């Protein structure tokens, strides 16, 4: 599973990359520190899953997710936040906003399987 990690916090980017690296069958193909950067590198990296922070300067996670899903409809975007998560689902492949603190290799695997993905 090819994963793009997008977060303006270097600490969270590192932590999310560590979770992905510890998840069997998943690999970080790239990171980005902003929504614009993510959109710029996505065509080159061809991620299947994007872990995307909601709160970023410039393009926030929701705006980035909408644009990303329009350009890459086969990719799954998971919005993440360190603040209070919501259960709102938006259009396209964007998933519910999830608390960054709940991510683990098992959670990530289960999430992907719920999306119809395979290992």
C-alpha atoms as a PDB file:
ATOM      1  CA  UNK A   1       0.000   0.000   0.000  1.00  0.00           C
ATOM      2  CA  UNK A   2       1.510   3.291  -1.128  1.00  0.00           C
ATOM      3  CA  UNK A   3       0.905   6.039   1.468  1.00  0.00           C
ATOM      4  CA  UNK A   4       1.393   9.801   1.305  1.00  0.00           C
ATOM      5  CA  UNK A   5       1.618  11.502   4.716  1.00  0.00           C
ATOM      6  CA  UNK A   6       0.584  15.183   4.817  1.00  0.00           C
ATOM      7  CA  UNK A   7       0.932  17.255   7.982  1.00  0.00           C
ATOM      8  CA  UNK A   8       2.364  20.696   8.692  1.00  0.00           C
ATOM      9  CA  UNK A   9       3.825  19.390  11.972  1.00  0.00           C
ATOM     10  CA  UNK A  10       7.163  17.646  11.555  1.00  0.00           C
ATOM     11  CA  UNK A  11       6.519  15.707  14.766  1.00  0.00           C
ATOM     12  CA  UNK A  12       3.198  14.323  13.500  1.00  0.00           C
ATOM     13  CA  UNK A  13       4.653  13.570  10.055  1.00  0.00           C
ATOM     14  CA  UNK A  14       7.356  11.520  11.760  1.00  0.00           C
ATOM     15  CA  UNK A  15       4.848   9.736  14.025  1.00  0.00           C
ATOM     16  CA  UNK A  16       2.481   8.947  11.154  1.00  0.00           C
ATOM     17  CA  UNK A  17       5.357   7.652   9.029  1.00  0.00           C
ATOM     18  CA  UNK A  18       6.386   5.393  11.912  1.00  0.00           C
ATOM     19  CA  UNK A  19       2.871   3.927  12.125  1.00  0.00           C
ATOM     20  CA  UNK A  20       2.792   3.331   8.373  1.00  0.00           C
ATOM     21  CA  UNK A  21       6.268   1.765   8.395  1.00  0.00           C
ATOM     22  CA  UNK A  22       5.184  -0.587  11.201  1.00  0.00           C
ATOM     23  CA  UNK A  23       2.108  -1.703   9.247  1.00  0.00           C
ATOM     24  CA  UNK A  24       2.648  -4.853   7.194  1.00  0.00           C
ATOM     25  CA  UNK A  25       2.187  -4.200   3.481  1.00  0.00           C
ATOM     26  CA  UNK A  26       2.184  -0.404   3.801  1.00  0.00           C
ATOM     27  CA  UNK A  27       4.976   1.952   2.771  1.00  0.00           C
ATOM     28  CA  UNK A  28       5.433   5.705   2.917  1.00  0.00           C
ATOM     29  CA  UNK A  29       6.083   6.865  -0.643  1.00  0.00           C
ATOM     30  CA  UNK A  30       6.321  10.515   0.336  1.00  0.00           C
ATOM     31  CA  UNK A  31       5.532  13.265   2.771  1.00  0.00           C
ATOM     32  CA  UNK A  32       4.286  16.813   2.395  1.00  0.00           C
ATOM     33  CA  UNK A  33       4.056  19.692   4.844  1.00  0.00           C
ATOM     34  CA  UNK A  34       1.156  21.487   3.135  1.00  0.00           C
ATOM     35  CA  UNK A  35      -1.880  20.821   1.015  1.00  0.00           C
ATOM     36  CA  UNK A  36      -0.341  22.510  -2.012  1.00  0.00           C
ATOM     37  CA  UNK A  37       2.811  20.423  -1.695  1.00  0.00           C
ATOM     38  CA  UNK A  38       0.707  17.250  -1.439  1.00  0.00           C
ATOM     39  CA  UNK A  39      -1.195  18.102  -4.583  1.00  0.00           C
ATOM     40  CA  UNK A  40       2.070  18.868  -6.402  1.00  0.00           C
ATOM     41  CA  UNK A  41       3.791  15.568  -5.526  1.00  0.00           C
ATOM     42  CA  UNK A  42       0.778  13.242  -5.740  1.00  0.00           C
ATOM     43  CA  UNK A  43       1.010  12.675  -9.491  1.00  0.00           C
ATOM     44  CA  UNK A  44       4.633  11.628  -9.156  1.00  0.00           C
ATOM     45  CA  UNK A  45       4.067   9.377  -6.137  1.00  0.00           C
ATOM     46  CA  UNK A  46       0.714   7.804  -7.101  1.00  0.00           C
ATOM     47  CA  UNK A  47      -0.392   7.058  -3.504  1.00  0.00           C
ATOM     48  CA  UNK A  48      -3.253   4.679  -2.802  1.00  0.00           C
ATOM     49  CA  UNK A  49      -3.861   6.157   0.651  1.00  0.00           C
ATOM     50  CA  UNK A  50      -3.345   9.719   1.879  1.00  0.00           C
ATOM     51  CA  UNK A  51      -3.130  10.518   5.597  1.00  0.00           C
ATOM     52  CA  UNK A  52      -4.075  14.194   5.642  1.00  0.00           C
ATOM     53  CA  UNK A  53      -4.066  16.657   8.535  1.00  0.00           C
ATOM     54  CA  UNK A  54      -7.234  18.754   8.773  1.00  0.00           C
ATOM     55  CA  UNK A  55      -5.650  21.902  10.244  1.00  0.00           C
ATOM     56  CA  UNK A  56      -2.946  23.321   7.968  1.00  0.00           C
ATOM     57  CA  UNK A  57      -2.159  26.856   6.845  1.00  0.00           C
ATOM     58  CA  UNK A  58      -3.101  27.794   3.294  1.00  0.00           C
ATOM     59  CA  UNK A  59      -5.168  24.936   1.935  1.00  0.00           C
ATOM     60  CA  UNK A  60      -6.662  23.136   4.901  1.00  0.00           C
ATOM     61  CA  UNK A  61      -7.246  19.389   4.902  1.00  0.00           C
ATOM     62  CA  UNK A  62     -10.839  19.630   3.660  1.00  0.00           C
ATOM     63  CA  UNK A  63      -9.913  21.818   0.683  1.00  0.00           C
ATOM     64  CA  UNK A  64      -6.914  19.630  -0.108  1.00  0.00           C
ATOM     65  CA  UNK A  65      -9.005  16.452   0.158  1.00  0.00           C
ATOM     66  CA  UNK A  66     -11.652  17.757  -2.261  1.00  0.00           C
ATOM     67  CA  UNK A  67      -9.015  18.709  -4.830  1.00  0.00           C
ATOM     68  CA  UNK A  68      -7.093  15.490  -4.284  1.00  0.00           C
ATOM     69  CA  UNK A  69     -10.177  13.296  -4.757  1.00  0.00           C
ATOM     70  CA  UNK A  70     -11.094  15.187  -7.928  1.00  0.00           C
ATOM     71  CA  UNK A  71      -7.601  14.654  -9.398  1.00  0.00           C
ATOM     72  CA  UNK A  72      -7.044  11.117  -8.009  1.00  0.00           C
ATOM     73  CA  UNK A  73     -10.457   9.452  -7.642  1.00  0.00           C
ATOM     74  CA  UNK A  74      -8.992   6.003  -6.951  1.00  0.00           C
ATOM     75  CA  UNK A  75      -7.041   7.145  -3.894  1.00  0.00           C
ATOM     76  CA  UNK A  76      -8.479   6.976  -0.377  1.00  0.00           C
ATOM     77  CA  UNK A  77      -8.040  10.073   1.769  1.00  0.00           C
ATOM     78  CA  UNK A  78      -8.181   9.825   5.549  1.00  0.00           C
ATOM     79  CA  UNK A  79      -8.505  13.159   7.324  1.00  0.00           C
ATOM     80  CA  UNK A  80      -6.719  13.348  10.672  1.00  0.00           C
ATOM     81  CA  UNK A  81      -6.780  15.801  13.538  1.00  0.00           C
ATOM     82  CA  UNK A  82      -5.110  16.230  16.897  1.00  0.00           C
ATOM     83  CA  UNK A  83      -8.169  18.136  18.116  1.00  0.00           C
ATOM     84  CA  UNK A  84     -11.697  16.816  18.541  1.00  0.00           C
ATOM     85  CA  UNK A  85     -12.592  14.453  15.664  1.00  0.00           C
ATOM     86  CA  UNK A  86     -15.990  14.481  13.983  1.00  0.00           C
ATOM     87  CA  UNK A  87     -18.070  11.781  12.383  1.00  0.00           C
ATOM     88  CA  UNK A  88     -18.873  13.848   9.301  1.00  0.00           C
ATOM     89  CA  UNK A  89     -18.175  12.220   5.968  1.00  0.00           C
ATOM     90  CA  UNK A  90     -17.685  14.430   2.935  1.00  0.00           C
ATOM     91  CA  UNK A  91     -18.064  13.624  -0.745  1.00  0.00           C
ATOM     92  CA  UNK A  92     -15.666  11.496  -2.738  1.00  0.00           C
ATOM     93  CA  UNK A  93     -13.182   9.124  -1.168  1.00  0.00           C
ATOM     94  CA  UNK A  94     -12.704  11.349   1.864  1.00  0.00           C
ATOM     95  CA  UNK A  95     -13.265   9.476   5.097  1.00  0.00           C
ATOM     96  CA  UNK A  96     -14.401  10.583   8.531  1.00  0.00           C
ATOM     97  CA  UNK A  97     -12.042  12.781  10.477  1.00  0.00           C
ATOM     98  CA  UNK A  98     -10.080  10.552  12.819  1.00  0.00           C
ATOM     99  CA  UNK A  99      -8.028  11.347  15.913  1.00  0.00           C
ATOM    100  CA  UNK A 100      -4.302  11.041  15.134  1.00  0.00           C
ATOM    101  CA  UNK A 101      -3.800   9.442  18.525  1.00  0.00           C
ATOM    102  CA  UNK A 102      -5.895   6.397  17.594  1.00  0.00           C
ATOM    103  CA  UNK A 103      -3.738   5.400  14.643  1.00  0.00           C
ATOM    104  CA  UNK A 104      -1.856   2.158  15.043  1.00  0.00           C
ATOM    105  CA  UNK A 105      -0.709  -0.499  12.596  1.00  0.00           C
ATOM    106  CA  UNK A 106      -3.789  -2.612  13.439  1.00  0.00           C
ATOM    107  CA  UNK A 107      -6.163   0.348  13.093  1.00  0.00           C
ATOM    108  CA  UNK A 108      -4.631   1.281   9.736  1.00  0.00           C
ATOM    109  CA  UNK A 109      -4.902  -2.297   8.444  1.00  0.00           C
ATOM    110  CA  UNK A 110      -8.515  -2.581   9.604  1.00  0.00           C
ATOM    111  CA  UNK A 111      -9.372   0.796   8.067  1.00  0.00           C
ATOM    112  CA  UNK A 112      -7.916  -0.242   4.721  1.00  0.00           C
ATOM    113  CA  UNK A 113      -9.795  -3.546   4.743  1.00  0.00           C
ATOM    114  CA  UNK A 114     -13.054  -1.697   5.514  1.00  0.00           C
ATOM    115  CA  UNK A 115     -12.409   0.404   2.387  1.00  0.00           C
ATOM    116  CA  UNK A 116     -12.380  -2.745   0.282  1.00  0.00           C
ATOM    117  CA  UNK A 117      -8.603  -2.797  -0.030  1.00  0.00           C
ATOM    118  CA  UNK A 118      -6.501  -5.871   0.145  1.00  0.00           C
ATOM    119  CA  UNK A 119      -3.114  -6.450   1.666  1.00  0.00           C
END
